[in-house]
Amino acid sequence: MADLSTQRSCGIAQRVATAMLRAAGGATACLRMPPLSGDSSDQGQLGLDAPGFLSLPLAPAVLRGGPRRSPRAGVPPPYELLVAAEAVSAQVSELKLSSAEALFAQANGVVVGGKLFLIESVSTAQSQGTPYVYRLLLRESAQGS
């Protein structure tokens, strides 16, 4: 068996994941982020101006799950969003954040197909210590988009 501890990641897993998500009908999910700068006007300081949200596109992404199964009565079933790690790392570097976890921790939700979802948890699939796909468990928001 080969010693994999000395091998460097060449990015093949990331490229394959991106291609597979695109082939599976890859959509664009938009992270809803709070505005980077606060409103310095008098109305903004008093909270009279509703702050806008930034929409950060993540593509390709595939939304799975939903209405077909319900784990508990009265609780809406979870959705699963698979996002290519290349898209996430592009947004992390553009915003100059320390990690993808910091990106998802700042997000107020995810909009997919015009519906707003809340992020319950984030996990990754990795190859040689490098993420190639992010898996977000989502719940549909009561307020819509």
C-alpha atoms as a PDB file:
ATOM      1  CA  MET A   1       0.000   0.000   0.000  1.00  0.00           C
ATOM      2  CA  ALA A   2       1.285   3.475  -0.878  1.00  0.00           C
ATOM      3  CA  ASP A   3       2.176   5.996   1.807  1.00  0.00           C
ATOM      4  CA  LEU A   4      -0.333   8.822   1.315  1.00  0.00           C
ATOM      5  CA  SER A   5       1.030  10.975   4.139  1.00  0.00           C
ATOM      6  CA  THR A   6       3.642  12.580   1.892  1.00  0.00           C
ATOM      7  CA  GLN A   7       1.379  13.224  -1.095  1.00  0.00           C
ATOM      8  CA  ARG A   8       0.154  16.723  -1.841  1.00  0.00           C
ATOM      9  CA  SER A   9      -3.379  17.470  -2.862  1.00  0.00           C
ATOM     10  CA  CYS A  10      -3.511  18.238  -6.580  1.00  0.00           C
ATOM     11  CA  GLY A  11      -7.111  19.455  -6.600  1.00  0.00           C
ATOM     12  CA  ILE A  12      -8.545  16.541  -8.564  1.00  0.00           C
ATOM     13  CA  ALA A  13     -11.219  15.844  -5.943  1.00  0.00           C
ATOM     14  CA  GLN A  14     -12.341  19.477  -6.042  1.00  0.00           C
ATOM     15  CA  ARG A  15     -12.595  19.474  -9.836  1.00  0.00           C
ATOM     16  CA  VAL A  16     -14.478  16.164  -9.873  1.00  0.00           C
ATOM     17  CA  ALA A  17     -16.937  17.374  -7.199  1.00  0.00           C
ATOM     18  CA  THR A  18     -17.554  20.599  -9.123  1.00  0.00           C
ATOM     19  CA  ALA A  19     -18.186  18.661 -12.342  1.00  0.00           C
ATOM     20  CA  MET A  20     -20.516  16.175 -10.628  1.00  0.00           C
ATOM     21  CA  LEU A  21     -22.574  18.911  -8.945  1.00  0.00           C
ATOM     22  CA  ARG A  22     -22.826  20.764 -12.245  1.00  0.00           C
ATOM     23  CA  ALA A  23     -23.919  17.560 -14.024  1.00  0.00           C
ATOM     24  CA  ALA A  24     -26.503  16.848 -11.297  1.00  0.00           C
ATOM     25  CA  GLY A  25     -28.346  20.020 -12.255  1.00  0.00           C
ATOM     26  CA  GLY A  26     -26.134  22.436 -10.375  1.00  0.00           C
ATOM     27  CA  ALA A  27     -28.061  25.483  -9.285  1.00  0.00           C
ATOM     28  CA  THR A  28     -26.860  28.687  -7.689  1.00  0.00           C
ATOM     29  CA  ALA A  29     -27.368  29.121  -3.966  1.00  0.00           C
ATOM     30  CA  CYS A  30     -26.930  32.594  -2.494  1.00  0.00           C
ATOM     31  CA  LEU A  31     -25.631  33.109   1.021  1.00  0.00           C
ATOM     32  CA  ARG A  32     -27.401  36.005   2.739  1.00  0.00           C
ATOM     33  CA  MET A  33     -24.730  37.970   4.546  1.00  0.00           C
ATOM     34  CA  PRO A  34     -25.079  41.070   6.716  1.00  0.00           C
ATOM     35  CA  PRO A  35     -23.794  44.249   5.094  1.00  0.00           C
ATOM     36  CA  LEU A  36     -20.064  44.791   5.480  1.00  0.00           C
ATOM     37  CA  SER A  37     -20.376  48.382   6.629  1.00  0.00           C
ATOM     38  CA  GLY A  38     -22.973  49.846   8.950  1.00  0.00           C
ATOM     39  CA  ASP A  39     -25.362  52.631   8.045  1.00  0.00           C
ATOM     40  CA  SER A  40     -23.858  55.792   9.503  1.00  0.00           C
ATOM     41  CA  SER A  41     -26.864  58.015   8.803  1.00  0.00           C
ATOM     42  CA  ASP A  42     -29.103  59.135  11.664  1.00  0.00           C
ATOM     43  CA  GLN A  43     -31.915  56.824  10.506  1.00  0.00           C
ATOM     44  CA  GLY A  44     -29.508  53.887  10.266  1.00  0.00           C
ATOM     45  CA  GLN A  45     -28.114  54.491  13.747  1.00  0.00           C
ATOM     46  CA  LEU A  46     -31.636  54.557  15.197  1.00  0.00           C
ATOM     47  CA  GLY A  47     -32.604  51.393  13.320  1.00  0.00           C
ATOM     48  CA  LEU A  48     -35.172  53.119  11.107  1.00  0.00           C
ATOM     49  CA  ASP A  49     -33.498  52.004   7.878  1.00  0.00           C
ATOM     50  CA  ALA A  50     -33.713  48.260   7.470  1.00  0.00           C
ATOM     51  CA  PRO A  51     -30.259  46.953   6.589  1.00  0.00           C
ATOM     52  CA  GLY A  52     -29.891  45.227   3.272  1.00  0.00           C
ATOM     53  CA  PHE A  53     -28.238  41.859   2.833  1.00  0.00           C
ATOM     54  CA  LEU A  54     -25.405  40.876   0.552  1.00  0.00           C
ATOM     55  CA  SER A  55     -26.041  37.882  -1.681  1.00  0.00           C
ATOM     56  CA  LEU A  56     -22.955  35.767  -2.259  1.00  0.00           C
ATOM     57  CA  PRO A  57     -23.464  33.259  -5.088  1.00  0.00           C
ATOM     58  CA  LEU A  58     -22.275  29.691  -4.571  1.00  0.00           C
ATOM     59  CA  ALA A  59     -22.378  27.519  -7.681  1.00  0.00           C
ATOM     60  CA  PRO A  60     -22.650  24.726  -8.517  1.00  0.00           C
ATOM     61  CA  ALA A  61     -24.908  23.574  -5.706  1.00  0.00           C
ATOM     62  CA  VAL A  62     -27.563  20.871  -5.442  1.00  0.00           C
ATOM     63  CA  LEU A  63     -30.525  20.993  -3.046  1.00  0.00           C
ATOM     64  CA  ARG A  64     -31.877  17.634  -1.893  1.00  0.00           C
ATOM     65  CA  GLY A  65     -34.526  16.443   0.525  1.00  0.00           C
ATOM     66  CA  GLY A  66     -37.577  18.163   1.812  1.00  0.00           C
ATOM     67  CA  PRO A  67     -41.224  17.183   1.722  1.00  0.00           C
ATOM     68  CA  ARG A  68     -40.837  13.470   1.051  1.00  0.00           C
ATOM     69  CA  ARG A  69     -39.996  12.485   4.642  1.00  0.00           C
ATOM     70  CA  SER A  70     -40.733  13.851   8.081  1.00  0.00           C
ATOM     71  CA  PRO A  71     -38.719  12.648  11.087  1.00  0.00           C
ATOM     72  CA  ARG A  72     -41.187  14.028  13.664  1.00  0.00           C
ATOM     73  CA  ALA A  73     -44.775  15.184  13.501  1.00  0.00           C
ATOM     74  CA  GLY A  74     -45.071  18.955  13.195  1.00  0.00           C
ATOM     75  CA  VAL A  75     -41.384  19.440  12.390  1.00  0.00           C
ATOM     76  CA  PRO A  76     -40.578  20.235   8.760  1.00  0.00           C
ATOM     77  CA  PRO A  77     -38.080  17.821   7.229  1.00  0.00           C
ATOM     78  CA  PRO A  78     -34.516  19.018   6.682  1.00  0.00           C
ATOM     79  CA  TYR A  79     -33.017  19.872   3.331  1.00  0.00           C
ATOM     80  CA  GLU A  80     -29.461  19.136   2.297  1.00  0.00           C
ATOM     81  CA  LEU A  81     -27.433  21.528   0.166  1.00  0.00           C
ATOM     82  CA  LEU A  82     -24.229  20.280  -1.445  1.00  0.00           C
ATOM     83  CA  VAL A  83     -21.879  23.056  -2.537  1.00  0.00           C
ATOM     84  CA  ALA A  84     -18.598  22.766  -4.421  1.00  0.00           C
ATOM     85  CA  ALA A  85     -15.642  23.678  -2.216  1.00  0.00           C
ATOM     86  CA  GLU A  86     -14.146  25.719  -5.063  1.00  0.00           C
ATOM     87  CA  ALA A  87     -17.125  28.117  -4.869  1.00  0.00           C
ATOM     88  CA  VAL A  88     -16.871  28.405  -1.095  1.00  0.00           C
ATOM     89  CA  SER A  89     -13.113  29.020  -1.111  1.00  0.00           C
ATOM     90  CA  ALA A  90     -13.569  31.735  -3.761  1.00  0.00           C
ATOM     91  CA  GLN A  91     -15.991  33.598  -1.472  1.00  0.00           C
ATOM     92  CA  VAL A  92     -13.758  33.079   1.573  1.00  0.00           C
ATOM     93  CA  SER A  93     -10.778  34.596  -0.220  1.00  0.00           C
ATOM     94  CA  GLU A  94     -12.856  37.451  -1.708  1.00  0.00           C
ATOM     95  CA  LEU A  95     -14.114  38.452   1.757  1.00  0.00           C
ATOM     96  CA  LYS A  96     -10.662  37.855   3.273  1.00  0.00           C
ATOM     97  CA  LEU A  97     -12.035  35.496   5.917  1.00  0.00           C
ATOM     98  CA  SER A  98      -9.995  32.963   7.848  1.00  0.00           C
ATOM     99  CA  SER A  99     -12.064  29.887   6.928  1.00  0.00           C
ATOM    100  CA  ALA A 100     -15.243  28.537   5.388  1.00  0.00           C
ATOM    101  CA  GLU A 101     -16.591  28.001   8.898  1.00  0.00           C
ATOM    102  CA  ALA A 102     -16.305  31.769   9.476  1.00  0.00           C
ATOM    103  CA  LEU A 103     -18.206  32.391   6.236  1.00  0.00           C
ATOM    104  CA  PHE A 104     -21.090  30.102   7.186  1.00  0.00           C
ATOM    105  CA  ALA A 105     -21.157  31.406  10.780  1.00  0.00           C
ATOM    106  CA  GLN A 106     -21.731  34.954   9.493  1.00  0.00           C
ATOM    107  CA  ALA A 107     -24.466  33.947   7.043  1.00  0.00           C
ATOM    108  CA  ASN A 108     -28.079  34.761   7.927  1.00  0.00           C
ATOM    109  CA  GLY A 109     -29.369  32.039   5.622  1.00  0.00           C
ATOM    110  CA  VAL A 110     -29.269  30.596   2.130  1.00  0.00           C
ATOM    111  CA  VAL A 111     -31.599  31.418  -0.758  1.00  0.00           C
ATOM    112  CA  VAL A 112     -32.156  28.633  -3.285  1.00  0.00           C
ATOM    113  CA  GLY A 113     -34.793  28.896  -5.975  1.00  0.00           C
ATOM    114  CA  GLY A 114     -36.300  31.978  -4.338  1.00  0.00           C
ATOM    115  CA  LYS A 115     -36.805  30.250  -0.961  1.00  0.00           C
ATOM    116  CA  LEU A 116     -34.971  31.235   2.202  1.00  0.00           C
ATOM    117  CA  PHE A 117     -33.435  28.456   4.282  1.00  0.00           C
ATOM    118  CA  LEU A 118     -31.723  28.615   7.673  1.00  0.00           C
ATOM    119  CA  ILE A 119     -28.409  26.806   8.163  1.00  0.00           C
ATOM    120  CA  GLU A 120     -28.538  24.178  10.906  1.00  0.00           C
ATOM    121  CA  SER A 121     -25.134  22.597  10.434  1.00  0.00           C
ATOM    122  CA  VAL A 122     -22.186  22.461   8.050  1.00  0.00           C
ATOM    123  CA  SER A 123     -19.890  19.526   7.340  1.00  0.00           C
ATOM    124  CA  THR A 124     -17.280  18.751   4.709  1.00  0.00           C
ATOM    125  CA  ALA A 125     -16.099  15.844   2.655  1.00  0.00           C
ATOM    126  CA  GLN A 126     -12.320  15.844   2.328  1.00  0.00           C
ATOM    127  CA  SER A 127      -9.623  14.269   0.246  1.00  0.00           C
ATOM    128  CA  GLN A 128      -6.076  14.358   1.620  1.00  0.00           C
ATOM    129  CA  GLY A 129      -7.142  16.948   4.182  1.00  0.00           C
ATOM    130  CA  THR A 130      -8.631  19.348   1.619  1.00  0.00           C
ATOM    131  CA  PRO A 131     -12.424  19.861   1.407  1.00  0.00           C
ATOM    132  CA  TYR A 132     -14.007  19.140  -1.954  1.00  0.00           C
ATOM    133  CA  VAL A 133     -17.693  19.522  -1.064  1.00  0.00           C
ATOM    134  CA  TYR A 134     -19.610  21.272   1.727  1.00  0.00           C
ATOM    135  CA  ARG A 135     -22.839  19.753   3.061  1.00  0.00           C
ATOM    136  CA  LEU A 136     -25.284  22.152   4.682  1.00  0.00           C
ATOM    137  CA  LEU A 137     -28.328  20.929   6.568  1.00  0.00           C
ATOM    138  CA  LEU A 138     -31.087  23.482   6.093  1.00  0.00           C
ATOM    139  CA  ARG A 139     -34.578  24.217   7.383  1.00  0.00           C
ATOM    140  CA  GLU A 140     -37.089  26.256   5.430  1.00  0.00           C
ATOM    141  CA  SER A 141     -37.535  29.692   6.969  1.00  0.00           C
ATOM    142  CA  ALA A 142     -40.983  30.759   8.084  1.00  0.00           C
ATOM    143  CA  GLN A 143     -40.528  34.255   6.617  1.00  0.00           C
ATOM    144  CA  GLY A 144     -39.818  33.137   3.023  1.00  0.00           C
ATOM    145  CA  SER A 145     -37.273  35.132   1.029  1.00  0.00           C
END
